[in-house]
């Protein structure tokens, strides 16, 4: 059982380190020994700001890579070592390793869980290829030296100019790839999923949606008839058949909003 007990409310953990990934994103390490798997998430609470879901980017100790996109996330990444965060989790389904050679694709701060999956792949004798995409150079996250990495930006300010799917197409053309994993904007993941399906490659996608509870009570994270927090957040290629995937999400009131 997780040390952060489900159903018992959030538990307080000390922040051990705060590392700047870029001017928008920081990776926070907390003093928590949970063995959370890549793809799982925690509800992170800061008194006075509410709680938000964040994917795990490492465990033992636990890490989260968080972009400052609103009041809550900006308040969290402004915290310093020695201060505290409150966590509940881990929640959701994790990635499953498959085959001998895989491509992990991270769009923006979705790179965090992809780096974690790469490290787990290496431990299990799987060769990972990490593709990191962002709109501009200053939004790219760091990458491990031990993993073959491809960088791409929309404007060409770093690495290849273009989209992660362009890089994926080249890798598939030149190498025998057994699995593709992705985390990032849904439209990007939809394109990755369609490419993997066309090539008959095992594929899993990590979806991120607005959540209030994290365990299926509020219904805020619905994607069609699927609840991301309990049915996901990791999905196989079948998510392509979901009528809302890549097209809609829901705002804080539950209203359906075009992506």
C-alpha atoms as a PDB file:
ATOM      1  CA  UNK A   1       0.000   0.000   0.000  1.00  0.00           C
ATOM      2  CA  UNK A   2       1.157   3.508  -0.777  1.00  0.00           C
ATOM      3  CA  UNK A   3       2.560   5.485   2.120  1.00  0.00           C
ATOM      4  CA  UNK A   4       0.200   8.257   0.967  1.00  0.00           C
ATOM      5  CA  UNK A   5      -2.950   6.478   2.132  1.00  0.00           C
ATOM      6  CA  UNK A   6      -5.975   6.594  -0.135  1.00  0.00           C
ATOM      7  CA  UNK A   7      -9.172   7.706   1.535  1.00  0.00           C
ATOM      8  CA  UNK A   8      -7.255   9.236   4.448  1.00  0.00           C
ATOM      9  CA  UNK A   9      -6.746  12.686   2.968  1.00  0.00           C
ATOM     10  CA  UNK A  10      -3.499  14.229   1.733  1.00  0.00           C
ATOM     11  CA  UNK A  11      -0.301  13.721   3.706  1.00  0.00           C
ATOM     12  CA  UNK A  12       2.431  16.330   4.158  1.00  0.00           C
ATOM     13  CA  UNK A  13       5.888  15.805   2.626  1.00  0.00           C
ATOM     14  CA  UNK A  14       8.996  17.944   2.746  1.00  0.00           C
ATOM     15  CA  UNK A  15      10.447  19.336  -0.469  1.00  0.00           C
ATOM     16  CA  UNK A  16      14.026  18.101  -0.931  1.00  0.00           C
ATOM     17  CA  UNK A  17      14.978  19.900  -4.153  1.00  0.00           C
ATOM     18  CA  UNK A  18      13.625  22.231  -6.825  1.00  0.00           C
ATOM     19  CA  UNK A  19      15.364  22.082 -10.211  1.00  0.00           C
ATOM     20  CA  UNK A  20      14.666  24.514 -13.025  1.00  0.00           C
ATOM     21  CA  UNK A  21      13.992  22.732 -16.320  1.00  0.00           C
ATOM     22  CA  UNK A  22      13.337  25.919 -18.247  1.00  0.00           C
ATOM     23  CA  UNK A  23      11.785  29.309 -17.572  1.00  0.00           C
ATOM     24  CA  UNK A  24       8.313  27.737 -17.379  1.00  0.00           C
ATOM     25  CA  UNK A  25       8.894  24.352 -15.726  1.00  0.00           C
ATOM     26  CA  UNK A  26      10.501  23.024 -12.553  1.00  0.00           C
ATOM     27  CA  UNK A  27      11.054  19.517 -11.220  1.00  0.00           C
ATOM     28  CA  UNK A  28      10.242  19.150  -7.538  1.00  0.00           C
ATOM     29  CA  UNK A  29      11.610  16.291  -5.432  1.00  0.00           C
ATOM     30  CA  UNK A  30       9.764  15.420  -2.230  1.00  0.00           C
ATOM     31  CA  UNK A  31      10.763  13.250   0.707  1.00  0.00           C
ATOM     32  CA  UNK A  32       8.466  10.366  -0.197  1.00  0.00           C
ATOM     33  CA  UNK A  33       9.604   6.781  -0.747  1.00  0.00           C
ATOM     34  CA  UNK A  34       6.571   5.591  -2.736  1.00  0.00           C
ATOM     35  CA  UNK A  35       7.306   3.314  -5.674  1.00  0.00           C
ATOM     36  CA  UNK A  36       4.963   4.989  -8.122  1.00  0.00           C
ATOM     37  CA  UNK A  37       5.192   3.847 -11.743  1.00  0.00           C
ATOM     38  CA  UNK A  38       5.536   5.961 -14.903  1.00  0.00           C
ATOM     39  CA  UNK A  39       2.083   7.073 -15.977  1.00  0.00           C
ATOM     40  CA  UNK A  40       0.619   7.271 -12.484  1.00  0.00           C
ATOM     41  CA  UNK A  41      -0.181  10.579 -10.835  1.00  0.00           C
ATOM     42  CA  UNK A  42      -0.758  12.262  -7.482  1.00  0.00           C
ATOM     43  CA  UNK A  43      -3.153  14.953  -6.383  1.00  0.00           C
ATOM     44  CA  UNK A  44      -0.873  17.697  -5.068  1.00  0.00           C
ATOM     45  CA  UNK A  45      -2.395  20.146  -2.602  1.00  0.00           C
ATOM     46  CA  UNK A  46      -1.085  23.451  -1.333  1.00  0.00           C
ATOM     47  CA  UNK A  47      -3.303  25.041   1.354  1.00  0.00           C
ATOM     48  CA  UNK A  48      -4.989  28.139   0.049  1.00  0.00           C
ATOM     49  CA  UNK A  49      -4.537  27.249  -3.634  1.00  0.00           C
ATOM     50  CA  UNK A  50      -6.454  23.986  -4.117  1.00  0.00           C
ATOM     51  CA  UNK A  51      -5.141  20.692  -5.481  1.00  0.00           C
ATOM     52  CA  UNK A  52      -4.047  19.605  -8.942  1.00  0.00           C
ATOM     53  CA  UNK A  53      -3.047  16.282 -10.566  1.00  0.00           C
ATOM     54  CA  UNK A  54       0.604  15.851 -11.573  1.00  0.00           C
ATOM     55  CA  UNK A  55       2.234  12.883 -13.284  1.00  0.00           C
ATOM     56  CA  UNK A  56       5.169  11.192 -11.610  1.00  0.00           C
ATOM     57  CA  UNK A  57       8.555  11.875 -13.204  1.00  0.00           C
ATOM     58  CA  UNK A  58      10.600   9.703 -10.786  1.00  0.00           C
ATOM     59  CA  UNK A  59      10.151   7.740  -7.576  1.00  0.00           C
ATOM     60  CA  UNK A  60      12.189   6.883  -4.487  1.00  0.00           C
ATOM     61  CA  UNK A  61      12.257   9.830  -3.938  1.00  0.00           C
ATOM     62  CA  UNK A  62       9.164  11.096  -5.691  1.00  0.00           C
ATOM     63  CA  UNK A  63       9.449  13.778  -8.371  1.00  0.00           C
ATOM     64  CA  UNK A  64       7.020  15.911 -10.349  1.00  0.00           C
ATOM     65  CA  UNK A  65       7.830  18.090 -13.377  1.00  0.00           C
ATOM     66  CA  UNK A  66       5.412  21.017 -13.204  1.00  0.00           C
ATOM     67  CA  UNK A  67       4.812  23.895 -15.611  1.00  0.00           C
ATOM     68  CA  UNK A  68       3.521  27.151 -14.188  1.00  0.00           C
ATOM     69  CA  UNK A  69       0.296  27.621 -16.131  1.00  0.00           C
ATOM     70  CA  UNK A  70      -2.054  28.978 -13.457  1.00  0.00           C
ATOM     71  CA  UNK A  71      -2.283  30.209  -9.862  1.00  0.00           C
ATOM     72  CA  UNK A  72      -2.005  26.744  -8.253  1.00  0.00           C
ATOM     73  CA  UNK A  73       0.862  25.400 -10.369  1.00  0.00           C
ATOM     74  CA  UNK A  74       2.784  28.695 -10.097  1.00  0.00           C
ATOM     75  CA  UNK A  75       2.366  28.655  -6.322  1.00  0.00           C
ATOM     76  CA  UNK A  76       3.651  25.068  -6.172  1.00  0.00           C
ATOM     77  CA  UNK A  77       6.772  25.681  -8.276  1.00  0.00           C
ATOM     78  CA  UNK A  78       7.571  28.781  -6.209  1.00  0.00           C
ATOM     79  CA  UNK A  79       8.097  26.625  -3.107  1.00  0.00           C
ATOM     80  CA  UNK A  80      11.635  26.105  -1.760  1.00  0.00           C
ATOM     81  CA  UNK A  81      13.518  23.095  -0.346  1.00  0.00           C
ATOM     82  CA  UNK A  82      12.507  22.580   3.274  1.00  0.00           C
ATOM     83  CA  UNK A  83       8.922  23.697   2.640  1.00  0.00           C
ATOM     84  CA  UNK A  84       6.032  21.268   2.232  1.00  0.00           C
ATOM     85  CA  UNK A  85       3.499  19.861  -0.223  1.00  0.00           C
ATOM     86  CA  UNK A  86       0.496  17.662   0.559  1.00  0.00           C
ATOM     87  CA  UNK A  87      -0.001  14.543  -1.580  1.00  0.00           C
ATOM     88  CA  UNK A  88      -2.577  11.812  -2.118  1.00  0.00           C
ATOM     89  CA  UNK A  89      -1.999   8.884  -4.460  1.00  0.00           C
ATOM     90  CA  UNK A  90      -0.575   7.260  -6.438  1.00  0.00           C
ATOM     91  CA  UNK A  91      -3.593   7.015  -8.703  1.00  0.00           C
ATOM     92  CA  UNK A  92      -4.269   5.583 -12.145  1.00  0.00           C
ATOM     93  CA  UNK A  93      -2.837   2.980 -14.476  1.00  0.00           C
ATOM     94  CA  UNK A  94       0.852   2.924 -15.381  1.00  0.00           C
ATOM     95  CA  UNK A  95       2.672   2.269 -18.645  1.00  0.00           C
ATOM     96  CA  UNK A  96       3.527  -1.307 -19.613  1.00  0.00           C
ATOM     97  CA  UNK A  97       6.955  -1.994 -21.093  1.00  0.00           C
ATOM     98  CA  UNK A  98       6.906  -3.930 -24.339  1.00  0.00           C
ATOM     99  CA  UNK A  99       9.452  -5.326 -26.772  1.00  0.00           C
ATOM    100  CA  UNK A 100      13.160  -4.548 -27.084  1.00  0.00           C
ATOM    101  CA  UNK A 101      13.231  -1.102 -28.694  1.00  0.00           C
ATOM    102  CA  UNK A 102      10.857   1.752 -27.931  1.00  0.00           C
ATOM    103  CA  UNK A 103      10.241   5.424 -28.686  1.00  0.00           C
ATOM    104  CA  UNK A 104       9.179   7.719 -25.844  1.00  0.00           C
ATOM    105  CA  UNK A 105       7.708  11.060 -26.959  1.00  0.00           C
ATOM    106  CA  UNK A 106       7.322  14.031 -24.622  1.00  0.00           C
ATOM    107  CA  UNK A 107       5.584  17.225 -25.615  1.00  0.00           C
ATOM    108  CA  UNK A 108       6.378  20.151 -23.291  1.00  0.00           C
ATOM    109  CA  UNK A 109       6.200  19.151 -19.614  1.00  0.00           C
ATOM    110  CA  UNK A 110       4.968  15.709 -20.768  1.00  0.00           C
ATOM    111  CA  UNK A 111       8.692  14.966 -21.042  1.00  0.00           C
ATOM    112  CA  UNK A 112       8.875  14.287 -17.274  1.00  0.00           C
ATOM    113  CA  UNK A 113       7.073  10.912 -17.240  1.00  0.00           C
ATOM    114  CA  UNK A 114       8.764   9.965 -20.520  1.00  0.00           C
ATOM    115  CA  UNK A 115      12.206  10.392 -18.959  1.00  0.00           C
ATOM    116  CA  UNK A 116      11.095   8.182 -16.087  1.00  0.00           C
ATOM    117  CA  UNK A 117       9.845   5.542 -18.523  1.00  0.00           C
ATOM    118  CA  UNK A 118      13.191   5.673 -20.354  1.00  0.00           C
ATOM    119  CA  UNK A 119      15.089   4.928 -17.141  1.00  0.00           C
ATOM    120  CA  UNK A 120      12.794   1.996 -16.377  1.00  0.00           C
ATOM    121  CA  UNK A 121      13.236   0.696 -19.924  1.00  0.00           C
ATOM    122  CA  UNK A 122      17.022   0.732 -19.550  1.00  0.00           C
ATOM    123  CA  UNK A 123      16.753  -1.211 -16.285  1.00  0.00           C
ATOM    124  CA  UNK A 124      14.746  -3.866 -18.141  1.00  0.00           C
ATOM    125  CA  UNK A 125      17.036  -4.247 -21.144  1.00  0.00           C
ATOM    126  CA  UNK A 126      14.914  -2.176 -23.527  1.00  0.00           C
ATOM    127  CA  UNK A 127      16.581   0.391 -25.807  1.00  0.00           C
ATOM    128  CA  UNK A 128      14.752   3.731 -25.556  1.00  0.00           C
ATOM    129  CA  UNK A 129      14.702   6.589 -28.034  1.00  0.00           C
ATOM    130  CA  UNK A 130      13.523   9.845 -26.439  1.00  0.00           C
ATOM    131  CA  UNK A 131      11.851  12.488 -28.616  1.00  0.00           C
ATOM    132  CA  UNK A 132      11.293  15.862 -26.946  1.00  0.00           C
ATOM    133  CA  UNK A 133       9.184  18.519 -28.603  1.00  0.00           C
ATOM    134  CA  UNK A 134       8.233  22.084 -27.722  1.00  0.00           C
ATOM    135  CA  UNK A 135       7.082  25.251 -29.399  1.00  0.00           C
ATOM    136  CA  UNK A 136      10.393  27.028 -28.813  1.00  0.00           C
ATOM    137  CA  UNK A 137      13.875  26.355 -27.424  1.00  0.00           C
ATOM    138  CA  UNK A 138      13.091  27.988 -24.078  1.00  0.00           C
ATOM    139  CA  UNK A 139      10.279  25.471 -23.461  1.00  0.00           C
ATOM    140  CA  UNK A 140      12.359  22.320 -23.979  1.00  0.00           C
ATOM    141  CA  UNK A 141      13.023  20.211 -20.894  1.00  0.00           C
ATOM    142  CA  UNK A 142      16.341  18.597 -20.046  1.00  0.00           C
ATOM    143  CA  UNK A 143      17.236  15.134 -21.294  1.00  0.00           C
ATOM    144  CA  UNK A 144      19.417  12.351 -19.847  1.00  0.00           C
ATOM    145  CA  UNK A 145      22.831  11.781 -21.433  1.00  0.00           C
ATOM    146  CA  UNK A 146      22.346   8.013 -21.218  1.00  0.00           C
ATOM    147  CA  UNK A 147      19.428   7.997 -23.703  1.00  0.00           C
ATOM    148  CA  UNK A 148      19.515   8.660 -27.441  1.00  0.00           C
ATOM    149  CA  UNK A 149      17.506  11.872 -27.720  1.00  0.00           C
ATOM    150  CA  UNK A 150      15.937  13.823 -30.575  1.00  0.00           C
ATOM    151  CA  UNK A 151      14.947  17.464 -30.049  1.00  0.00           C
ATOM    152  CA  UNK A 152      12.476  19.370 -32.174  1.00  0.00           C
ATOM    153  CA  UNK A 153      10.799  22.771 -31.971  1.00  0.00           C
ATOM    154  CA  UNK A 154       7.962  24.314 -33.943  1.00  0.00           C
ATOM    155  CA  UNK A 155      10.101  27.317 -34.903  1.00  0.00           C
ATOM    156  CA  UNK A 156      13.429  25.512 -35.361  1.00  0.00           C
ATOM    157  CA  UNK A 157      15.136  27.417 -32.542  1.00  0.00           C
ATOM    158  CA  UNK A 158      16.588  24.120 -31.237  1.00  0.00           C
ATOM    159  CA  UNK A 159      17.009  20.744 -32.879  1.00  0.00           C
ATOM    160  CA  UNK A 160      14.840  19.884 -35.840  1.00  0.00           C
ATOM    161  CA  UNK A 161      12.186  22.316 -37.056  1.00  0.00           C
ATOM    162  CA  UNK A 162       8.858  20.551 -37.126  1.00  0.00           C
ATOM    163  CA  UNK A 163       6.762  18.110 -35.145  1.00  0.00           C
ATOM    164  CA  UNK A 164       7.545  15.044 -33.061  1.00  0.00           C
ATOM    165  CA  UNK A 165       5.613  12.936 -35.569  1.00  0.00           C
ATOM    166  CA  UNK A 166       8.157  13.875 -38.255  1.00  0.00           C
ATOM    167  CA  UNK A 167      10.933  12.474 -36.075  1.00  0.00           C
ATOM    168  CA  UNK A 168       8.862   9.401 -35.199  1.00  0.00           C
ATOM    169  CA  UNK A 169       8.272   8.671 -38.897  1.00  0.00           C
ATOM    170  CA  UNK A 170      12.022   8.737 -39.566  1.00  0.00           C
ATOM    171  CA  UNK A 171      12.822   6.475 -36.622  1.00  0.00           C
ATOM    172  CA  UNK A 172      10.176   3.944 -37.690  1.00  0.00           C
ATOM    173  CA  UNK A 173      11.485   4.029 -41.254  1.00  0.00           C
ATOM    174  CA  UNK A 174      15.081   3.358 -40.216  1.00  0.00           C
ATOM    175  CA  UNK A 175      14.692   1.008 -37.238  1.00  0.00           C
ATOM    176  CA  UNK A 176      12.572  -1.874 -35.959  1.00  0.00           C
ATOM    177  CA  UNK A 177      10.480  -0.248 -33.238  1.00  0.00           C
ATOM    178  CA  UNK A 178       8.382  -2.439 -30.938  1.00  0.00           C
ATOM    179  CA  UNK A 179       6.545   0.205 -28.912  1.00  0.00           C
ATOM    180  CA  UNK A 180       5.671   3.898 -28.912  1.00  0.00           C
ATOM    181  CA  UNK A 181       4.705   5.914 -25.815  1.00  0.00           C
ATOM    182  CA  UNK A 182       3.673   9.559 -25.616  1.00  0.00           C
ATOM    183  CA  UNK A 183       2.610  12.295 -23.210  1.00  0.00           C
ATOM    184  CA  UNK A 184       1.745  15.828 -24.241  1.00  0.00           C
ATOM    185  CA  UNK A 185      -0.951  17.795 -26.054  1.00  0.00           C
ATOM    186  CA  UNK A 186      -3.847  15.542 -27.077  1.00  0.00           C
ATOM    187  CA  UNK A 187      -3.735  16.456 -30.743  1.00  0.00           C
ATOM    188  CA  UNK A 188      -0.065  15.497 -30.810  1.00  0.00           C
ATOM    189  CA  UNK A 189      -0.842  12.190 -29.106  1.00  0.00           C
ATOM    190  CA  UNK A 190      -3.719  11.550 -31.487  1.00  0.00           C
ATOM    191  CA  UNK A 191      -1.306  11.914 -34.429  1.00  0.00           C
ATOM    192  CA  UNK A 192       1.229   9.621 -32.719  1.00  0.00           C
ATOM    193  CA  UNK A 193      -1.466   7.032 -32.009  1.00  0.00           C
ATOM    194  CA  UNK A 194      -2.713   7.032 -35.592  1.00  0.00           C
ATOM    195  CA  UNK A 195       0.826   6.583 -36.890  1.00  0.00           C
ATOM    196  CA  UNK A 196       1.499   3.673 -34.533  1.00  0.00           C
ATOM    197  CA  UNK A 197      -1.819   2.043 -35.424  1.00  0.00           C
ATOM    198  CA  UNK A 198      -1.075   2.319 -39.139  1.00  0.00           C
ATOM    199  CA  UNK A 199       2.312   0.650 -38.616  1.00  0.00           C
ATOM    200  CA  UNK A 200       0.919  -2.015 -36.273  1.00  0.00           C
ATOM    201  CA  UNK A 201       3.141  -0.874 -33.370  1.00  0.00           C
ATOM    202  CA  UNK A 202       2.189  -1.291 -29.707  1.00  0.00           C
ATOM    203  CA  UNK A 203       1.278   2.163 -28.392  1.00  0.00           C
ATOM    204  CA  UNK A 204       0.283   3.752 -25.093  1.00  0.00           C
ATOM    205  CA  UNK A 205      -0.675   7.377 -24.457  1.00  0.00           C
ATOM    206  CA  UNK A 206      -0.772   9.304 -21.181  1.00  0.00           C
ATOM    207  CA  UNK A 207      -3.766  11.662 -21.021  1.00  0.00           C
ATOM    208  CA  UNK A 208      -3.943  14.666 -18.723  1.00  0.00           C
ATOM    209  CA  UNK A 209      -7.279  16.295 -17.915  1.00  0.00           C
ATOM    210  CA  UNK A 210      -8.722  18.668 -15.332  1.00  0.00           C
ATOM    211  CA  UNK A 211      -9.415  16.729 -12.114  1.00  0.00           C
ATOM    212  CA  UNK A 212     -10.883  17.590  -8.726  1.00  0.00           C
ATOM    213  CA  UNK A 213     -10.700  14.273  -6.851  1.00  0.00           C
ATOM    214  CA  UNK A 214      -8.392  11.808  -8.662  1.00  0.00           C
ATOM    215  CA  UNK A 215     -10.397   8.665  -7.887  1.00  0.00           C
ATOM    216  CA  UNK A 216     -13.586   8.733  -9.949  1.00  0.00           C
ATOM    217  CA  UNK A 217     -16.022  10.677  -7.755  1.00  0.00           C
ATOM    218  CA  UNK A 218     -16.278  14.097  -9.402  1.00  0.00           C
ATOM    219  CA  UNK A 219     -16.467  13.055 -13.071  1.00  0.00           C
ATOM    220  CA  UNK A 220     -14.514  16.154 -14.018  1.00  0.00           C
ATOM    221  CA  UNK A 221     -11.942  14.265 -16.106  1.00  0.00           C
ATOM    222  CA  UNK A 222     -14.406  12.467 -18.368  1.00  0.00           C
ATOM    223  CA  UNK A 223     -13.365  11.757 -21.930  1.00  0.00           C
ATOM    224  CA  UNK A 224     -16.487  10.430 -23.580  1.00  0.00           C
ATOM    225  CA  UNK A 225     -17.667   7.698 -21.210  1.00  0.00           C
ATOM    226  CA  UNK A 226     -14.184   7.108 -19.815  1.00  0.00           C
ATOM    227  CA  UNK A 227     -12.880   8.648 -16.591  1.00  0.00           C
ATOM    228  CA  UNK A 228      -9.208   9.471 -17.049  1.00  0.00           C
ATOM    229  CA  UNK A 229      -8.344   9.109 -13.348  1.00  0.00           C
ATOM    230  CA  UNK A 230      -9.526   5.494 -12.993  1.00  0.00           C
ATOM    231  CA  UNK A 231      -9.745   4.116 -16.553  1.00  0.00           C
ATOM    232  CA  UNK A 232      -6.425   5.780 -17.423  1.00  0.00           C
ATOM    233  CA  UNK A 233      -4.518   7.990 -17.442  1.00  0.00           C
ATOM    234  CA  UNK A 234      -2.558   5.546 -19.619  1.00  0.00           C
ATOM    235  CA  UNK A 235      -4.532   4.221 -22.590  1.00  0.00           C
ATOM    236  CA  UNK A 236      -3.811   1.901 -25.468  1.00  0.00           C
ATOM    237  CA  UNK A 237      -4.596   2.497 -29.106  1.00  0.00           C
ATOM    238  CA  UNK A 238      -8.324   2.033 -28.406  1.00  0.00           C
ATOM    239  CA  UNK A 239      -8.509   5.618 -27.127  1.00  0.00           C
ATOM    240  CA  UNK A 240      -8.487   6.712 -30.783  1.00  0.00           C
ATOM    241  CA  UNK A 241     -12.102   5.489 -30.985  1.00  0.00           C
ATOM    242  CA  UNK A 242     -13.184   7.765 -28.132  1.00  0.00           C
ATOM    243  CA  UNK A 243     -15.289  10.585 -29.698  1.00  0.00           C
ATOM    244  CA  UNK A 244     -13.824  13.252 -27.378  1.00  0.00           C
ATOM    245  CA  UNK A 245     -10.136  12.309 -27.523  1.00  0.00           C
ATOM    246  CA  UNK A 246      -8.111  14.950 -29.332  1.00  0.00           C
ATOM    247  CA  UNK A 247     -11.217  17.109 -29.804  1.00  0.00           C
ATOM    248  CA  UNK A 248     -12.619  18.239 -26.442  1.00  0.00           C
ATOM    249  CA  UNK A 249     -11.763  18.642 -22.775  1.00  0.00           C
ATOM    250  CA  UNK A 250     -13.769  19.958 -19.840  1.00  0.00           C
ATOM    251  CA  UNK A 251     -13.140  23.162 -17.906  1.00  0.00           C
ATOM    252  CA  UNK A 252     -13.441  23.675 -14.134  1.00  0.00           C
ATOM    253  CA  UNK A 253     -17.247  23.848 -14.401  1.00  0.00           C
ATOM    254  CA  UNK A 254     -17.464  20.606 -16.370  1.00  0.00           C
ATOM    255  CA  UNK A 255     -18.300  22.371 -19.637  1.00  0.00           C
ATOM    256  CA  UNK A 256     -17.023  20.709 -22.814  1.00  0.00           C
ATOM    257  CA  UNK A 257     -14.415  22.902 -24.522  1.00  0.00           C
ATOM    258  CA  UNK A 258     -12.813  22.494 -27.941  1.00  0.00           C
ATOM    259  CA  UNK A 259      -9.108  21.631 -27.869  1.00  0.00           C
END
